[in-house]
Amino acid sequence: MQLVITAIAVIAGMTFSLAIALLVEEFIFGEVFRLFFARQAVRVKAEQKH
């Protein structure tokens, strides 16, 4: 029973850590990626008009 509780605690800890890491990454790099993809979308639309 202790092994099951330990496994659940480890999985929950890893899941929580991953969620926090993704949240921090979005706060730090989210704007950069949005600007990068927005510029690509504009370029594609501009190339289609020519």
PDB file of N, CA and C in Angstrom:
ATOM      1  N   MET A   1       0.827  -1.204   0.000  1.00  0.00           N
ATOM      2  CA  MET A   1       0.000   0.000   0.000  1.00  0.00           C
ATOM      3  C   MET A   1       0.868   1.263   0.000  1.00  0.00           C
ATOM      4  N   GLN A   2       1.964   1.187   0.742  1.00  0.00           N
ATOM      5  CA  GLN A   2       2.856   2.345   0.783  1.00  0.00           C
ATOM      6  C   GLN A   2       3.472   2.601  -0.593  1.00  0.00           C
ATOM      7  N   LEU A   3       3.747   1.547  -1.344  1.00  0.00           N
ATOM      8  CA  LEU A   3       4.309   1.688  -2.682  1.00  0.00           C
ATOM      9  C   LEU A   3       3.322   2.396  -3.613  1.00  0.00           C
ATOM     10  N   VAL A   4       2.044   2.082  -3.490  1.00  0.00           N
ATOM     11  CA  VAL A   4       1.018   2.720  -4.316  1.00  0.00           C
ATOM     12  C   VAL A   4       0.930   4.204  -3.987  1.00  0.00           C
ATOM     13  N   ILE A   5       0.923   4.534  -2.723  1.00  0.00           N
ATOM     14  CA  ILE A   5       0.848   5.936  -2.298  1.00  0.00           C
ATOM     15  C   ILE A   5       2.086   6.694  -2.771  1.00  0.00           C
ATOM     16  N   THR A   6       3.243   6.065  -2.678  1.00  0.00           N
ATOM     17  CA  THR A   6       4.481   6.701  -3.150  1.00  0.00           C
ATOM     18  C   THR A   6       4.421   6.935  -4.656  1.00  0.00           C
ATOM     19  N   ALA A   7       3.945   5.957  -5.400  1.00  0.00           N
ATOM     20  CA  ALA A   7       3.846   6.100  -6.848  1.00  0.00           C
ATOM     21  C   ALA A   7       2.878   7.221  -7.219  1.00  0.00           C
ATOM     22  N   ILE A   8       1.745   7.298  -6.543  1.00  0.00           N
ATOM     23  CA  ILE A   8       0.779   8.365  -6.806  1.00  0.00           C
ATOM     24  C   ILE A   8       1.380   9.726  -6.486  1.00  0.00           C
ATOM     25  N   ALA A   9       2.120   9.814  -5.389  1.00  0.00           N
ATOM     26  CA  ALA A   9       2.753  11.079  -5.017  1.00  0.00           C
ATOM     27  C   ALA A   9       3.796  11.497  -6.049  1.00  0.00           C
ATOM     28  N   VAL A  10       4.561  10.550  -6.560  1.00  0.00           N
ATOM     29  CA  VAL A  10       5.581  10.858  -7.564  1.00  0.00           C
ATOM     30  C   VAL A  10       4.922  11.316  -8.856  1.00  0.00           C
ATOM     31  N   ILE A  11       3.893  10.616  -9.308  1.00  0.00           N
ATOM     32  CA  ILE A  11       3.197  10.990 -10.543  1.00  0.00           C
ATOM     33  C   ILE A  11       2.535  12.353 -10.393  1.00  0.00           C
ATOM     34  N   ALA A  12       1.905  12.596  -9.242  1.00  0.00           N
ATOM     35  CA  ALA A  12       1.273  13.900  -9.010  1.00  0.00           C
ATOM     36  C   ALA A  12       2.317  15.011  -8.981  1.00  0.00           C
ATOM     37  N   GLY A  13       3.445  14.763  -8.358  1.00  0.00           N
ATOM     38  CA  GLY A  13       4.516  15.759  -8.303  1.00  0.00           C
ATOM     39  C   GLY A  13       5.078  16.068  -9.679  1.00  0.00           C
ATOM     40  N   MET A  14       5.272  15.049 -10.490  1.00  0.00           N
ATOM     41  CA  MET A  14       5.785  15.274 -11.840  1.00  0.00           C
ATOM     42  C   MET A  14       4.770  16.024 -12.696  1.00  0.00           C
ATOM     43  N   THR A  15       3.500  15.692 -12.551  1.00  0.00           N
ATOM     44  CA  THR A  15       2.449  16.384 -13.304  1.00  0.00           C
ATOM     45  C   THR A  15       2.371  17.848 -12.898  1.00  0.00           C
ATOM     46  N   PHE A  16       2.424  18.109 -11.606  1.00  0.00           N
ATOM     47  CA  PHE A  16       2.385  19.485 -11.105  1.00  0.00           C
ATOM     48  C   PHE A  16       3.602  20.260 -11.594  1.00  0.00           C
ATOM     49  N   SER A  17       4.766  19.636 -11.558  1.00  0.00           N
ATOM     50  CA  SER A  17       5.992  20.287 -12.017  1.00  0.00           C
ATOM     51  C   SER A  17       5.908  20.621 -13.502  1.00  0.00           C
ATOM     52  N   LEU A  18       5.382  19.715 -14.297  1.00  0.00           N
ATOM     53  CA  LEU A  18       5.228  19.965 -15.721  1.00  0.00           C
ATOM     54  C   LEU A  18       4.248  21.105 -15.987  1.00  0.00           C
ATOM     55  N   ALA A  19       3.150  21.134 -15.230  1.00  0.00           N
ATOM     56  CA  ALA A  19       2.167  22.204 -15.405  1.00  0.00           C
ATOM     57  C   ALA A  19       2.767  23.560 -15.062  1.00  0.00           C
ATOM     58  N   ILE A  20       3.516  23.646 -13.995  1.00  0.00           N
ATOM     59  CA  ILE A  20       4.159  24.906 -13.614  1.00  0.00           C
ATOM     60  C   ILE A  20       5.199  25.316 -14.652  1.00  0.00           C
ATOM     61  N   ALA A  21       5.967  24.344 -15.149  1.00  0.00           N
ATOM     62  CA  ALA A  21       6.974  24.653 -16.167  1.00  0.00           C
ATOM     63  C   ALA A  21       6.321  25.199 -17.438  1.00  0.00           C
ATOM     64  N   LEU A  22       5.223  24.602 -17.872  1.00  0.00           N
ATOM     65  CA  LEU A  22       4.535  25.100 -19.062  1.00  0.00           C
ATOM     66  C   LEU A  22       3.951  26.485 -18.835  1.00  0.00           C
ATOM     67  N   LEU A  23       3.427  26.728 -17.638  1.00  0.00           N
ATOM     68  CA  LEU A  23       2.875  28.046 -17.315  1.00  0.00           C
ATOM     69  C   LEU A  23       3.965  29.112 -17.332  1.00  0.00           C
ATOM     70  N   VAL A  24       5.100  28.833 -16.722  1.00  0.00           N
ATOM     71  CA  VAL A  24       6.210  29.778 -16.703  1.00  0.00           C
ATOM     72  C   VAL A  24       6.732  30.013 -18.117  1.00  0.00           C
ATOM     73  N   GLU A  25       6.839  28.943 -18.909  1.00  0.00           N
ATOM     74  CA  GLU A  25       7.300  29.081 -20.288  1.00  0.00           C
ATOM     75  C   GLU A  25       6.363  29.964 -21.092  1.00  0.00           C
ATOM     76  N   GLU A  26       5.068  29.821 -20.876  1.00  0.00           N
ATOM     77  CA  GLU A  26       4.101  30.647 -21.599  1.00  0.00           C
ATOM     78  C   GLU A  26       4.234  32.114 -21.196  1.00  0.00           C
ATOM     79  N   PHE A  27       4.448  32.382 -19.919  1.00  0.00           N
ATOM     80  CA  PHE A  27       4.624  33.773 -19.479  1.00  0.00           C
ATOM     81  C   PHE A  27       5.895  34.389 -20.055  1.00  0.00           C
ATOM     82  N   ILE A  28       6.975  33.594 -20.107  1.00  0.00           N
ATOM     83  CA  ILE A  28       8.250  34.138 -20.569  1.00  0.00           C
ATOM     84  C   ILE A  28       8.303  34.220 -22.089  1.00  0.00           C
ATOM     85  N   PHE A  29       7.961  33.128 -22.775  1.00  0.00           N
ATOM     86  CA  PHE A  29       8.161  33.041 -24.216  1.00  0.00           C
ATOM     87  C   PHE A  29       6.875  33.164 -25.022  1.00  0.00           C
ATOM     88  N   GLY A  30       5.734  33.255 -24.379  1.00  0.00           N
ATOM     89  CA  GLY A  30       4.463  33.279 -25.098  1.00  0.00           C
ATOM     90  C   GLY A  30       4.358  34.416 -26.089  1.00  0.00           C
ATOM     91  N   GLU A  31       4.772  35.603 -25.685  1.00  0.00           N
ATOM     92  CA  GLU A  31       4.700  36.758 -26.579  1.00  0.00           C
ATOM     93  C   GLU A  31       5.627  36.592 -27.774  1.00  0.00           C
ATOM     94  N   VAL A  32       6.805  36.036 -27.545  1.00  0.00           N
ATOM     95  CA  VAL A  32       7.771  35.855 -28.628  1.00  0.00           C
ATOM     96  C   VAL A  32       7.195  34.912 -29.666  1.00  0.00           C
ATOM     97  N   PHE A  33       6.624  33.783 -29.223  1.00  0.00           N
ATOM     98  CA  PHE A  33       6.076  32.819 -30.173  1.00  0.00           C
ATOM     99  C   PHE A  33       4.868  33.391 -30.894  1.00  0.00           C
ATOM    100  N   ARG A  34       4.032  34.171 -30.209  1.00  0.00           N
ATOM    101  CA  ARG A  34       2.863  34.767 -30.862  1.00  0.00           C
ATOM    102  C   ARG A  34       3.297  35.752 -31.946  1.00  0.00           C
ATOM    103  N   LEU A  35       4.306  36.565 -31.657  1.00  0.00           N
ATOM    104  CA  LEU A  35       4.790  37.513 -32.659  1.00  0.00           C
ATOM    105  C   LEU A  35       5.420  36.774 -33.838  1.00  0.00           C
ATOM    106  N   PHE A  36       6.169  35.724 -33.546  1.00  0.00           N
ATOM    107  CA  PHE A  36       6.832  34.961 -34.605  1.00  0.00           C
ATOM    108  C   PHE A  36       5.805  34.336 -35.541  1.00  0.00           C
ATOM    109  N   PHE A  37       4.771  33.694 -34.974  1.00  0.00           N
ATOM    110  CA  PHE A  37       3.772  33.037 -35.816  1.00  0.00           C
ATOM    111  C   PHE A  37       2.882  34.053 -36.510  1.00  0.00           C
ATOM    112  N   ALA A  38       2.616  35.196 -35.889  1.00  0.00           N
ATOM    113  CA  ALA A  38       1.806  36.229 -36.536  1.00  0.00           C
ATOM    114  C   ALA A  38       2.555  36.788 -37.746  1.00  0.00           C
ATOM    115  N   ARG A  39       3.860  36.973 -37.647  1.00  0.00           N
ATOM    116  CA  ARG A  39       4.646  37.476 -38.778  1.00  0.00           C
ATOM    117  C   ARG A  39       4.648  36.468 -39.920  1.00  0.00           C
ATOM    118  N   GLN A  40       4.744  35.186 -39.604  1.00  0.00           N
ATOM    119  CA  GLN A  40       4.707  34.170 -40.656  1.00  0.00           C
ATOM    120  C   GLN A  40       3.363  34.179 -41.368  1.00  0.00           C
ATOM    121  N   ALA A  41       2.267  34.310 -40.622  1.00  0.00           N
ATOM    122  CA  ALA A  41       0.944  34.305 -41.226  1.00  0.00           C
ATOM    123  C   ALA A  41       0.791  35.500 -42.165  1.00  0.00           C
ATOM    124  N   VAL A  42       1.317  36.662 -41.764  1.00  0.00           N
ATOM    125  CA  VAL A  42       1.235  37.852 -42.619  1.00  0.00           C
ATOM    126  C   VAL A  42       2.041  37.635 -43.892  1.00  0.00           C
ATOM    127  N   ARG A  43       3.224  37.020 -43.779  1.00  0.00           N
ATOM    128  CA  ARG A  43       4.067  36.768 -44.946  1.00  0.00           C
ATOM    129  C   ARG A  43       3.351  35.826 -45.922  1.00  0.00           C
ATOM    130  N   VAL A  44       2.709  34.807 -45.425  1.00  0.00           N
ATOM    131  CA  VAL A  44       2.033  33.860 -46.292  1.00  0.00           C
ATOM    132  C   VAL A  44       0.905  34.565 -47.031  1.00  0.00           C
ATOM    133  N   LYS A  45       0.132  35.396 -46.341  1.00  0.00           N
ATOM    134  CA  LYS A  45      -0.961  36.114 -46.992  1.00  0.00           C
ATOM    135  C   LYS A  45      -0.417  37.088 -48.038  1.00  0.00           C
ATOM    136  N   ALA A  46       0.696  37.748 -47.742  1.00  0.00           N
ATOM    137  CA  ALA A  46       1.278  38.696 -48.684  1.00  0.00           C
ATOM    138  C   ALA A  46       1.789  37.964 -49.925  1.00  0.00           C
ATOM    139  N   GLU A  47       2.359  36.780 -49.775  1.00  0.00           N
ATOM    140  CA  GLU A  47       2.869  36.023 -50.919  1.00  0.00           C
ATOM    141  C   GLU A  47       1.724  35.517 -51.787  1.00  0.00           C
ATOM    142  N   GLN A  48       0.594  35.186 -51.208  1.00  0.00           N
ATOM    143  CA  GLN A  48      -0.531  34.704 -51.985  1.00  0.00           C
ATOM    144  C   GLN A  48      -1.133  35.809 -52.853  1.00  0.00           C
ATOM    145  N   LYS A  49      -1.057  37.057 -52.406  1.00  0.00           N
ATOM    146  CA  LYS A  49      -1.620  38.169 -53.177  1.00  0.00           C
ATOM    147  C   LYS A  49      -0.811  38.439 -54.431  1.00  0.00           C
ATOM    148  N   HIS A  50       0.508  38.183 -54.396  1.00  0.00           N
ATOM    149  CA  HIS A  50       1.353  38.459 -55.562  1.00  0.00           C
ATOM    150  C   HIS A  50       1.065  37.399 -56.544  1.00  0.00           C
TER     151      HIS A  50
END
